[in-house]
C-alpha atoms as a PDB file:
ATOM      1  CA  MET A   1     164.899 194.339  75.524  1.00  0.00           C
ATOM      2  CA  ALA A   2     164.416 192.751  78.757  1.00  0.00           C
ATOM      3  CA  LEU A   3     167.463 192.638  80.986  1.00  0.00           C
ATOM      4  CA  LYS A   4     169.793 189.986  82.515  1.00  0.00           C
ATOM      5  CA  SER A   5     168.062 189.473  85.503  1.00  0.00           C
ATOM      6  CA  HIS A   6     169.168 187.683  89.576  1.00  0.00           C
ATOM      7  CA  ASP A   7     165.348 186.230  89.368  1.00  0.00           C
ATOM      8  CA  ARG A   8     166.284 186.382  93.227  1.00  0.00           C
ATOM      9  CA  TYR A   9     163.262 189.237  94.443  1.00  0.00           C
ATOM     10  CA  ASP A  10     160.854 191.274  92.646  1.00  0.00           C
ATOM     11  CA  TYR A  11     160.401 194.875  92.669  1.00  0.00           C
ATOM     12  CA  SER A  12     158.573 196.169  95.445  1.00  0.00           C
ATOM     13  CA  ALA A  13     158.266 199.984  96.533  1.00  0.00           C
ATOM     14  CA  ILE A  14     158.730 200.519  99.883  1.00  0.00           C
ATOM     15  CA  VAL A  15     155.791 203.511 100.164  1.00  0.00           C
ATOM     16  CA  ASN A  16     153.370 200.419  98.984  1.00  0.00           C
ATOM     17  CA  ARG A  17     153.694 197.872 101.740  1.00  0.00           C
ATOM     18  CA  PRO A  18     152.027 196.240 104.405  1.00  0.00           C
ATOM     19  CA  ASP A  19     152.754 197.661 107.834  1.00  0.00           C
ATOM     20  CA  TYR A  20     153.977 195.606 110.909  1.00  0.00           C
ATOM     21  CA  ASP A  21     156.121 196.548 114.064  1.00  0.00           C
ATOM     22  CA  PHE A  22     159.061 195.370 115.588  1.00  0.00           C
ATOM     23  CA  PRO A  23     158.564 194.409 119.064  1.00  0.00           C
ATOM     24  CA  GLY A  24     156.864 196.270 121.489  1.00  0.00           C
ATOM     25  CA  GLY A  25     155.566 198.427 119.147  1.00  0.00           C
ATOM     26  CA  LYS A  26     159.140 199.867 118.062  1.00  0.00           C
ATOM     27  CA  ARG A  27     159.251 201.015 114.399  1.00  0.00           C
ATOM     28  CA  LEU A  28     162.965 201.733 114.291  1.00  0.00           C
ATOM     29  CA  ALA A  29     165.494 199.060 114.681  1.00  0.00           C
ATOM     30  CA  VAL A  30     169.063 199.805 114.846  1.00  0.00           C
ATOM     31  CA  TYR A  31     172.030 197.160 115.198  1.00  0.00           C
ATOM     32  CA  PHE A  32     175.529 197.577 115.786  1.00  0.00           C
ATOM     33  CA  ALA A  33     177.433 195.258 113.326  1.00  0.00           C
ATOM     34  CA  LEU A  34     181.068 194.887 114.078  1.00  0.00           C
ATOM     35  CA  ASN A  35     183.328 193.623 111.609  1.00  0.00           C
ATOM     36  CA  VAL A  36     186.462 191.383 113.260  1.00  0.00           C
ATOM     37  CA  GLU A  37     189.189 190.169 110.127  1.00  0.00           C
ATOM     38  CA  HIS A  38     192.416 188.642 109.778  1.00  0.00           C
ATOM     39  CA  PHE A  39     194.658 188.723 107.333  1.00  0.00           C
ATOM     40  CA  THR A  40     197.359 186.831 105.410  1.00  0.00           C
ATOM     41  CA  PHE A  41     201.112 188.113 105.719  1.00  0.00           C
ATOM     42  CA  GLY A  42     202.953 189.027 103.093  1.00  0.00           C
ATOM     43  CA  GLU A  43     199.734 188.426 100.401  1.00  0.00           C
ATOM     44  CA  GLY A  44     196.817 188.630  99.540  1.00  0.00           C
ATOM     45  CA  LEU A  45     193.719 191.599  99.610  1.00  0.00           C
ATOM     46  CA  GLY A  46     193.644 193.893 102.681  1.00  0.00           C
ATOM     47  CA  ASN A  47     191.951 197.761 102.909  1.00  0.00           C
ATOM     48  CA  ASP A  48     195.022 199.980 102.559  1.00  0.00           C
ATOM     49  CA  TYR A  49     195.543 203.704 101.775  1.00  0.00           C
ATOM     50  CA  GLY A  50     194.620 204.375  98.434  1.00  0.00           C
ATOM     51  CA  VAL A  51     197.687 202.867  96.520  1.00  0.00           C
ATOM     52  CA  PRO A  52     198.796 199.460  97.845  1.00  0.00           C
ATOM     53  CA  ALA A  53     202.182 199.164  99.014  1.00  0.00           C
ATOM     54  CA  PRO A  54     204.477 196.161  97.692  1.00  0.00           C
ATOM     55  CA  GLN A  55     204.310 193.072 100.188  1.00  0.00           C
ATOM     56  CA  PRO A  56     204.872 192.241 102.705  1.00  0.00           C
ATOM     57  CA  ASN A  57     203.086 195.647 102.998  1.00  0.00           C
ATOM     58  CA  THR A  58     203.984 195.188 106.772  1.00  0.00           C
ATOM     59  CA  ARG A  59     202.747 198.744 107.159  1.00  0.00           C
ATOM     60  CA  SER A  60     198.919 197.514 106.493  1.00  0.00           C
ATOM     61  CA  PHE A  61     198.843 194.435 107.950  1.00  0.00           C
ATOM     62  CA  ALA A  62     199.871 196.117 111.145  1.00  0.00           C
ATOM     63  CA  TRP A  63     197.356 198.791 110.967  1.00  0.00           C
ATOM     64  CA  ARG A  64     194.338 196.105 110.523  1.00  0.00           C
ATOM     65  CA  ASP A  65     195.788 193.632 113.138  1.00  0.00           C
ATOM     66  CA  TYR A  66     195.679 196.637 115.294  1.00  0.00           C
ATOM     67  CA  GLY A  67     191.592 195.580 115.230  1.00  0.00           C
ATOM     68  CA  ASN A  68     192.210 192.894 117.015  1.00  0.00           C
ATOM     69  CA  ARG A  69     194.565 193.555 119.437  1.00  0.00           C
ATOM     70  CA  VAL A  70     193.314 197.492 120.289  1.00  0.00           C
ATOM     71  CA  GLY A  71     190.433 198.398 118.549  1.00  0.00           C
ATOM     72  CA  ALA A  72     188.327 195.279 118.954  1.00  0.00           C
ATOM     73  CA  TRP A  73     188.476 195.862 122.781  1.00  0.00           C
ATOM     74  CA  ARG A  74     188.274 199.570 122.942  1.00  0.00           C
ATOM     75  CA  LEU A  75     185.193 199.292 121.093  1.00  0.00           C
ATOM     76  CA  LEU A  76     183.661 196.454 123.601  1.00  0.00           C
ATOM     77  CA  GLU A  77     184.490 198.493 126.327  1.00  0.00           C
ATOM     78  CA  LEU A  78     181.903 201.182 124.658  1.00  0.00           C
ATOM     79  CA  ALA A  79     179.186 198.673 124.201  1.00  0.00           C
ATOM     80  CA  GLU A  80     179.796 197.482 127.956  1.00  0.00           C
ATOM     81  CA  ARG A  81     179.483 201.136 129.262  1.00  0.00           C
ATOM     82  CA  TYR A  82     175.978 201.849 127.225  1.00  0.00           C
ATOM     83  CA  ASP A  83     174.654 198.666 127.366  1.00  0.00           C
ATOM     84  CA  LEU A  84     174.925 197.753 123.560  1.00  0.00           C
ATOM     85  CA  PRO A  85     174.539 194.603 121.564  1.00  0.00           C
ATOM     86  CA  TYR A  86     176.635 193.727 119.086  1.00  0.00           C
ATOM     87  CA  ALA A  87     176.816 191.605 116.132  1.00  0.00           C
ATOM     88  CA  LEU A  88     180.355 190.262 115.605  1.00  0.00           C
ATOM     89  CA  LEU A  89     181.051 189.939 112.284  1.00  0.00           C
ATOM     90  CA  ALA A  90     183.976 187.282 112.541  1.00  0.00           C
ATOM     91  CA  ASN A  91     186.771 185.495 110.295  1.00  0.00           C
ATOM     92  CA  SER A  92     186.697 182.025 110.913  1.00  0.00           C
ATOM     93  CA  ALA A  93     190.658 182.373 111.234  1.00  0.00           C
ATOM     94  CA  LEU A  94     190.424 184.686 114.403  1.00  0.00           C
ATOM     95  CA  TYR A  95     189.428 181.502 116.302  1.00  0.00           C
ATOM     96  CA  ASP A  96     192.916 179.986 115.982  1.00  0.00           C
ATOM     97  CA  TYR A  97     194.957 183.760 116.060  1.00  0.00           C
ATOM     98  CA  CYS A  98     193.183 185.529 119.095  1.00  0.00           C
ATOM     99  CA  PRO A  99     190.254 183.527 120.600  1.00  0.00           C
ATOM    100  CA  GLU A 100     190.056 185.282 123.356  1.00  0.00           C
ATOM    101  CA  MET A 101     189.241 188.581 121.778  1.00  0.00           C
ATOM    102  CA  ILE A 102     186.211 186.239 120.017  1.00  0.00           C
ATOM    103  CA  ALA A 103     185.263 184.679 123.837  1.00  0.00           C
ATOM    104  CA  ALA A 104     185.210 188.218 124.997  1.00  0.00           C
ATOM    105  CA  PHE A 105     182.012 189.051 122.870  1.00  0.00           C
ATOM    106  CA  SER A 106     180.651 185.620 122.990  1.00  0.00           C
ATOM    107  CA  SER A 107     180.497 185.813 126.524  1.00  0.00           C
ATOM    108  CA  ARG A 108     178.073 188.438 126.832  1.00  0.00           C
ATOM    109  CA  GLY A 109     175.842 187.450 124.434  1.00  0.00           C
ATOM    110  CA  ASP A 110     176.661 189.044 121.509  1.00  0.00           C
ATOM    111  CA  GLU A 111     175.972 187.356 117.979  1.00  0.00           C
ATOM    112  CA  ILE A 112     178.550 185.942 115.630  1.00  0.00           C
ATOM    113  CA  VAL A 113     177.962 186.093 111.949  1.00  0.00           C
ATOM    114  CA  GLY A 114     179.712 184.153 109.583  1.00  0.00           C
ATOM    115  CA  HIS A 115     182.570 186.522 107.602  1.00  0.00           C
ATOM    116  CA  GLY A 116     184.493 184.030 105.530  1.00  0.00           C
ATOM    117  CA  ARG A 117     187.872 182.690 106.889  1.00  0.00           C
ATOM    118  CA  THR A 118     189.490 185.329 106.161  1.00  0.00           C
ATOM    119  CA  ASN A 119     189.411 188.960 104.188  1.00  0.00           C
ATOM    120  CA  SER A 120     192.674 187.848 101.603  1.00  0.00           C
ATOM    121  CA  GLU A 121     190.115 186.181  99.843  1.00  0.00           C
ATOM    122  CA  ARG A 122     186.743 186.770  98.068  1.00  0.00           C
ATOM    123  CA  GLN A 123     184.188 184.968  97.626  1.00  0.00           C
ATOM    124  CA  ALA A 124     183.560 186.347  93.600  1.00  0.00           C
ATOM    125  CA  ASP A 125     187.300 185.049  92.986  1.00  0.00           C
ATOM    126  CA  MET A 126     186.578 181.506  93.649  1.00  0.00           C
ATOM    127  CA  SER A 127     185.248 178.546  91.549  1.00  0.00           C
ATOM    128  CA  ARG A 128     181.574 177.124  92.825  1.00  0.00           C
ATOM    129  CA  ALA A 129     183.742 174.435  94.569  1.00  0.00           C
ATOM    130  CA  GLU A 130     186.291 176.765  96.351  1.00  0.00           C
ATOM    131  CA  GLU A 131     183.399 178.779  97.483  1.00  0.00           C
ATOM    132  CA  LEU A 132     181.535 176.088  99.082  1.00  0.00           C
ATOM    133  CA  ALA A 133     184.377 174.694 100.784  1.00  0.00           C
ATOM    134  CA  CYS A 134     184.557 178.324 102.052  1.00  0.00           C
ATOM    135  CA  ILE A 135     181.432 178.564 103.552  1.00  0.00           C
ATOM    136  CA  THR A 136     181.271 174.857 104.717  1.00  0.00           C
ATOM    137  CA  GLU A 137     184.474 175.506 106.449  1.00  0.00           C
ATOM    138  CA  ALA A 138     184.019 178.659 107.661  1.00  0.00           C
ATOM    139  CA  THR A 139     180.741 177.954 109.595  1.00  0.00           C
ATOM    140  CA  ALA A 140     182.187 174.440 110.817  1.00  0.00           C
ATOM    141  CA  VAL A 141     184.847 176.679 112.849  1.00  0.00           C
ATOM    142  CA  ILE A 142     182.417 178.514 114.340  1.00  0.00           C
ATOM    143  CA  GLU A 143     180.182 175.891 115.144  1.00  0.00           C
ATOM    144  CA  LYS A 144     182.889 174.181 116.845  1.00  0.00           C
ATOM    145  CA  HIS A 145     183.571 177.070 119.547  1.00  0.00           C
ATOM    146  CA  GLU A 146     180.304 178.841 119.757  1.00  0.00           C
ATOM    147  CA  LYS A 147     178.357 174.751 119.849  1.00  0.00           C
ATOM    148  CA  LYS A 148     175.692 176.436 116.848  1.00  0.00           C
ATOM    149  CA  LYS A 149     175.717 177.367 113.575  1.00  0.00           C
ATOM    150  CA  PRO A 150     175.640 181.163 113.034  1.00  0.00           C
ATOM    151  CA  GLY A 151     172.323 182.156 111.568  1.00  0.00           C
ATOM    152  CA  GLY A 152     173.728 184.839 109.285  1.00  0.00           C
ATOM    153  CA  TRP A 153     176.159 185.419 106.710  1.00  0.00           C
ATOM    154  CA  LEU A 154     178.148 188.524 105.042  1.00  0.00           C
ATOM    155  CA  ALA A 155     181.004 188.169 102.945  1.00  0.00           C
ATOM    156  CA  PRO A 156     183.979 188.827 103.206  1.00  0.00           C
ATOM    157  CA  TYR A 157     184.474 192.545 100.948  1.00  0.00           C
ATOM    158  CA  ILE A 158     180.349 192.149 100.543  1.00  0.00           C
ATOM    159  CA  SER A 159     181.514 189.793  97.540  1.00  0.00           C
ATOM    160  CA  GLN A 160     179.335 187.277  96.460  1.00  0.00           C
ATOM    161  CA  THR A 161     178.747 185.162  93.447  1.00  0.00           C
ATOM    162  CA  VAL A 162     175.576 184.294  91.368  1.00  0.00           C
ATOM    163  CA  ASP A 163     175.292 180.841  93.530  1.00  0.00           C
ATOM    164  CA  SER A 164     176.049 182.411  96.509  1.00  0.00           C
ATOM    165  CA  PRO A 165     172.469 182.506  98.208  1.00  0.00           C
ATOM    166  CA  ASP A 166     171.579 179.273  97.088  1.00  0.00           C
ATOM    167  CA  LEU A 167     175.414 178.007  99.097  1.00  0.00           C
ATOM    168  CA  LEU A 168     174.893 179.901 102.070  1.00  0.00           C
ATOM    169  CA  ARG A 169     170.702 178.313 102.270  1.00  0.00           C
ATOM    170  CA  GLU A 170     172.020 175.322 101.798  1.00  0.00           C
ATOM    171  CA  ALA A 171     174.279 175.167 104.459  1.00  0.00           C
ATOM    172  CA  GLY A 172     171.892 175.940 106.861  1.00  0.00           C
ATOM    173  CA  TYR A 173     172.147 179.868 106.582  1.00  0.00           C
ATOM    174  CA  ARG A 174     168.947 181.880 106.766  1.00  0.00           C
ATOM    175  CA  TYR A 175     169.564 185.648 106.672  1.00  0.00           C
ATOM    176  CA  MET A 176     172.518 187.239 104.670  1.00  0.00           C
ATOM    177  CA  MET A 177     173.768 190.908 104.436  1.00  0.00           C
ATOM    178  CA  ASP A 178     175.692 191.522 101.321  1.00  0.00           C
ATOM    179  CA  TRP A 179     172.416 193.101  99.377  1.00  0.00           C
ATOM    180  CA  PRO A 180     171.765 196.830 100.221  1.00  0.00           C
ATOM    181  CA  LEU A 181     169.042 197.115  98.451  1.00  0.00           C
ATOM    182  CA  ASP A 182     166.382 198.389 100.963  1.00  0.00           C
ATOM    183  CA  ASP A 183     165.633 199.606 104.453  1.00  0.00           C
ATOM    184  CA  GLN A 184     163.587 196.416 105.373  1.00  0.00           C
ATOM    185  CA  PRO A 185     164.260 192.830 105.213  1.00  0.00           C
ATOM    186  CA  ASN A 186     162.845 191.077 102.113  1.00  0.00           C
ATOM    187  CA  TRP A 187     162.767 187.422 101.505  1.00  0.00           C
ATOM    188  CA  PHE A 188     164.963 186.501  98.495  1.00  0.00           C
ATOM    189  CA  ARG A 189     164.464 182.975  96.672  1.00  0.00           C
ATOM    190  CA  THR A 190     167.483 180.177  96.634  1.00  0.00           C
ATOM    191  CA  LYS A 191     166.975 176.756  95.292  1.00  0.00           C
ATOM    192  CA  HIS A 192     166.843 175.433  98.723  1.00  0.00           C
ATOM    193  CA  GLY A 193     163.886 177.650 100.217  1.00  0.00           C
ATOM    194  CA  PRO A 194     163.816 181.695 101.245  1.00  0.00           C
ATOM    195  CA  ILE A 195     166.837 183.689 103.229  1.00  0.00           C
ATOM    196  CA  LEU A 196     166.291 187.021 104.427  1.00  0.00           C
ATOM    197  CA  ALA A 197     168.429 189.689 103.227  1.00  0.00           C
ATOM    198  CA  ILE A 198     168.596 192.266 106.161  1.00  0.00           C
ATOM    199  CA  PRO A 199     169.729 195.559 105.684  1.00  0.00           C
ATOM    200  CA  TYR A 200     173.837 196.515 105.852  1.00  0.00           C
ATOM    201  CA  SER A 201     174.602 200.081 105.082  1.00  0.00           C
ATOM    202  CA  HIS A 202     177.518 200.277 102.375  1.00  0.00           C
ATOM    203  CA  ASP A 203     176.625 204.380 101.935  1.00  0.00           C
ATOM    204  CA  SER A 204     177.560 205.011 105.898  1.00  0.00           C
ATOM    205  CA  ASN A 205     180.139 201.764 106.087  1.00  0.00           C
ATOM    206  CA  ASP A 206     182.882 203.361 108.133  1.00  0.00           C
ATOM    207  CA  SER A 207     185.164 201.168 105.821  1.00  0.00           C
ATOM    208  CA  LEU A 208     184.126 202.763 102.810  1.00  0.00           C
ATOM    209  CA  GLU A 209     183.545 206.255 104.634  1.00  0.00           C
ATOM    210  CA  VAL A 210     186.619 206.427 106.230  1.00  0.00           C
ATOM    211  CA  VAL A 211     189.254 204.434 104.400  1.00  0.00           C
ATOM    212  CA  THR A 212     187.995 204.935 100.816  1.00  0.00           C
ATOM    213  CA  ARG A 213     186.317 208.653 100.659  1.00  0.00           C
ATOM    214  CA  ARG A 214     188.364 209.642 103.253  1.00  0.00           C
ATOM    215  CA  THR A 215     185.316 211.528 105.079  1.00  0.00           C
ATOM    216  CA  PRO A 216     186.545 213.324 108.568  1.00  0.00           C
ATOM    217  CA  SER A 217     185.647 211.417 111.345  1.00  0.00           C
ATOM    218  CA  GLN A 218     183.961 214.374 112.779  1.00  0.00           C
ATOM    219  CA  LEU A 219     181.551 214.608 109.112  1.00  0.00           C
ATOM    220  CA  TYR A 220     181.009 210.994 109.407  1.00  0.00           C
ATOM    221  CA  CYS A 221     179.714 210.659 113.091  1.00  0.00           C
ATOM    222  CA  GLU A 222     177.627 213.596 111.835  1.00  0.00           C
ATOM    223  CA  ASN A 223     175.976 211.605 108.672  1.00  0.00           C
ATOM    224  CA  LEU A 224     175.439 208.504 111.317  1.00  0.00           C
ATOM    225  CA  ILE A 225     173.637 211.103 113.608  1.00  0.00           C
ATOM    226  CA  ASP A 226     171.416 212.330 110.676  1.00  0.00           C
ATOM    227  CA  GLN A 227     171.232 208.620 109.341  1.00  0.00           C
ATOM    228  CA  PHE A 228     169.560 208.134 112.961  1.00  0.00           C
ATOM    229  CA  ASP A 229     167.536 210.813 113.116  1.00  0.00           C
ATOM    230  CA  GLU A 230     165.891 210.890 109.652  1.00  0.00           C
ATOM    231  CA  LEU A 231     164.959 206.734 109.978  1.00  0.00           C
ATOM    232  CA  LEU A 232     163.540 207.452 113.555  1.00  0.00           C
ATOM    233  CA  GLU A 233     161.309 210.168 111.988  1.00  0.00           C
ATOM    234  CA  GLU A 234     160.768 207.796 108.845  1.00  0.00           C
ATOM    235  CA  SER A 235     159.476 205.030 111.362  1.00  0.00           C
ATOM    236  CA  ALA A 236     156.055 206.957 112.194  1.00  0.00           C
ATOM    237  CA  ARG A 237     155.390 205.750 108.787  1.00  0.00           C
ATOM    238  CA  ARG A 238     156.896 202.210 108.154  1.00  0.00           C
ATOM    239  CA  PRO A 239     159.209 199.776 110.303  1.00  0.00           C
ATOM    240  CA  VAL A 240     162.910 200.252 109.167  1.00  0.00           C
ATOM    241  CA  VAL A 241     165.864 198.989 110.163  1.00  0.00           C
ATOM    242  CA  MET A 242     169.389 201.180 110.845  1.00  0.00           C
ATOM    243  CA  SER A 243     172.831 199.178 110.801  1.00  0.00           C
ATOM    244  CA  VAL A 244     175.643 200.713 112.219  1.00  0.00           C
ATOM    245  CA  VAL A 245     178.536 199.522 110.195  1.00  0.00           C
ATOM    246  CA  MET A 246     181.927 199.004 112.682  1.00  0.00           C
ATOM    247  CA  HIS A 247     185.617 197.564 111.680  1.00  0.00           C
ATOM    248  CA  SER A 248     187.866 197.118 114.478  1.00  0.00           C
ATOM    249  CA  PHE A 249     191.087 199.098 112.922  1.00  0.00           C
ATOM    250  CA  ILE A 250     188.888 201.663 111.630  1.00  0.00           C
ATOM    251  CA  LEU A 251     186.540 202.816 114.206  1.00  0.00           C
ATOM    252  CA  GLY A 252     188.653 201.297 117.230  1.00  0.00           C
ATOM    253  CA  GLN A 253     191.198 204.052 116.762  1.00  0.00           C
ATOM    254  CA  PRO A 254     191.256 206.467 119.623  1.00  0.00           C
ATOM    255  CA  HIS A 255     190.096 209.650 117.675  1.00  0.00           C
ATOM    256  CA  ARG A 256     187.760 207.956 116.037  1.00  0.00           C
ATOM    257  CA  VAL A 257     185.823 206.492 119.222  1.00  0.00           C
ATOM    258  CA  ARG A 258     186.167 210.044 120.661  1.00  0.00           C
ATOM    259  CA  GLN A 259     183.719 210.721 117.844  1.00  0.00           C
ATOM    260  CA  PHE A 260     181.904 208.098 117.925  1.00  0.00           C
ATOM    261  CA  ARG A 261     181.134 208.172 121.416  1.00  0.00           C
ATOM    262  CA  ARG A 262     178.644 211.358 120.495  1.00  0.00           C
ATOM    263  CA  VAL A 263     176.829 208.972 117.784  1.00  0.00           C
ATOM    264  CA  ILE A 264     175.884 206.183 120.735  1.00  0.00           C
ATOM    265  CA  GLU A 265     174.702 209.108 123.014  1.00  0.00           C
ATOM    266  CA  HIS A 266     172.403 210.513 120.663  1.00  0.00           C
ATOM    267  CA  ILE A 267     170.964 207.146 119.963  1.00  0.00           C
ATOM    268  CA  VAL A 268     170.874 205.511 123.556  1.00  0.00           C
ATOM    269  CA  ARG A 269     168.718 209.099 124.413  1.00  0.00           C
ATOM    270  CA  GLN A 270     166.162 207.514 122.481  1.00  0.00           C
ATOM    271  CA  ARG A 271     166.315 204.423 123.494  1.00  0.00           C
ATOM    272  CA  ASP A 272     162.607 204.149 124.881  1.00  0.00           C
ATOM    273  CA  LYS A 273     161.839 204.699 121.268  1.00  0.00           C
ATOM    274  CA  VAL A 274     164.253 201.892 119.035  1.00  0.00           C
ATOM    275  CA  TRP A 275     164.859 198.622 119.039  1.00  0.00           C
ATOM    276  CA  LEU A 276     168.114 198.260 119.727  1.00  0.00           C
ATOM    277  CA  THR A 277     168.914 194.624 118.702  1.00  0.00           C
ATOM    278  CA  ARG A 278     171.205 192.577 116.432  1.00  0.00           C
ATOM    279  CA  PRO A 279     170.422 191.029 112.950  1.00  0.00           C
ATOM    280  CA  GLY A 280     169.094 187.039 114.288  1.00  0.00           C
ATOM    281  CA  GLU A 281     166.661 188.808 116.497  1.00  0.00           C
ATOM    282  CA  ILE A 282     165.458 190.854 113.459  1.00  0.00           C
ATOM    283  CA  PHE A 283     165.316 187.407 111.455  1.00  0.00           C
ATOM    284  CA  HIS A 284     163.206 185.654 114.543  1.00  0.00           C
ATOM    285  CA  HIS A 285     160.905 188.380 114.389  1.00  0.00           C
ATOM    286  CA  ILE A 286     160.084 188.893 110.341  1.00  0.00           C
ATOM    287  CA  GLU A 287     160.394 184.889 110.176  1.00  0.00           C
ATOM    288  CA  SER A 288     157.433 185.348 112.954  1.00  0.00           C
ATOM    289  CA  LEU A 289     155.191 187.520 111.371  1.00  0.00           C
ATOM    290  CA  PRO A 290     151.923 186.243 109.203  1.00  0.00           C
ATOM    291  CA  ALA A 291     152.497 185.616 105.815  1.00  0.00           C
ATOM    292  CA  GLY A 292     152.042 188.081 102.976  1.00  0.00           C
ATOM    293  CA  LEU A 293     153.254 191.437 105.404  1.00  0.00           C
ATOM    294  CA  VAL A 294     157.573 190.999 103.867  1.00  0.00           C
ATOM    295  CA  PRO A 295     158.364 191.064 100.380  1.00  0.00           C
ATOM    296  CA  GLY A 296     158.918 188.039  99.151  1.00  0.00           C
ATOM    297  CA  SER A 297     156.984 185.705 101.661  1.00  0.00           C
ATOM    298  CA  PRO A 298     154.047 183.983 100.098  1.00  0.00           C
ATOM    299  CA  GLY A 299     151.363 185.576  99.575  1.00  0.00           C
ATOM    300  CA  TYR A 300     152.916 188.945  99.886  1.00  0.00           C
ATOM    301  CA  ALA A 301     151.662 190.499  96.085  1.00  0.00           C
ATOM    302  CA  ASP A 302     147.984 189.268  96.974  1.00  0.00           C
ATOM    303  CA  LEU A 303     147.982 191.286 100.204  1.00  0.00           C
ATOM    304  CA  LYS A 304     149.633 194.086  98.763  1.00  0.00           C
ATOM    305  CA  ASP A 305     146.938 193.879  96.094  1.00  0.00           C
ATOM    306  CA  ARG A 306     144.388 193.963  98.416  1.00  0.00           C
ATOM    307  CA  LEU A 307     145.589 196.865 100.363  1.00  0.00           C
ATOM    308  CA  GLY A 308     145.813 198.899  97.785  1.00  0.00           C
ATOM    309  CA  GLY A 309     148.055 201.736  97.148  1.00  0.00           C
ATOM    310  CA  GLY A 310     150.181 203.127  99.752  1.00  0.00           C
ATOM    311  CA  THR A 311     151.487 201.671 103.430  1.00  0.00           C
ATOM    312  CA  ARG A 312     149.167 200.226 105.112  1.00  0.00           C
ATOM    313  CA  ARG A 313     148.819 198.902 108.998  1.00  0.00           C
ATOM    314  CA  VAL A 314     148.225 195.284 109.373  1.00  0.00           C
ATOM    315  CA  ASN A 315     149.103 194.117 112.544  1.00  0.00           C
ATOM    316  CA  LYS A 316     150.004 196.294 116.019  1.00  0.00           C
END
């Protein structure tokens, strides 16, 4: 019996793909994704401590707002100290609430990625018309303030509908970060042309690790170091992407920054071996590659078949 399919991409084993490099011959791309979010007071959704408290739940609202008032600034200082590029995954409501925080990242060249209007809502709970309005409104706010449309999107709560890829591509988005299917970028089919799925870690996401799984900060940071070391070793065989997923109200806490600094210092010691970048730059590099190299690109199946089994280098 054939199972129902999304029909967005075909199966592709990572060990049997054509090979390629990132800029400068690098093989591991690392990017830092900082989620900054705003919430409705007294209603709507939001991360909480296991069992949500009754609304207005001032404890949880204030904890999350800590990220905008303190945590984001602390993580900005970390980026400046170690010269790290960031992708800022921003709820568009923050442009009204604390525009100076967004501007502090934008002014240093960090990429602004669309992240809905607010994390008090999920696209999966919306009708098609409501989702279209959400994407359109969030995009317009970012374009107004940044003088250009964002190229990438991550849904609040990483919560898409069956229509999301089509709506995003129609709205001009070129990549999304909602599907944790791979450690390499993959092209998805939509009604309006291809959109790139860029790896965005769910398993090592600080929100899942720290809030949901209650992983101690020390162990969480050891996990990130292990993730980096394993992918760096694997990158000798194939190009791979590592995302470091941060939330300002989680990793922006002092005791977690203290531990997270170890991760940063471990990565930057290998700076000459990796491509420290932003997801939009990953998109532009993948888009520039010859057709057939990346799963979902035109001619991919034909080129893979000509190369035979196993990863084969195609370009330097």
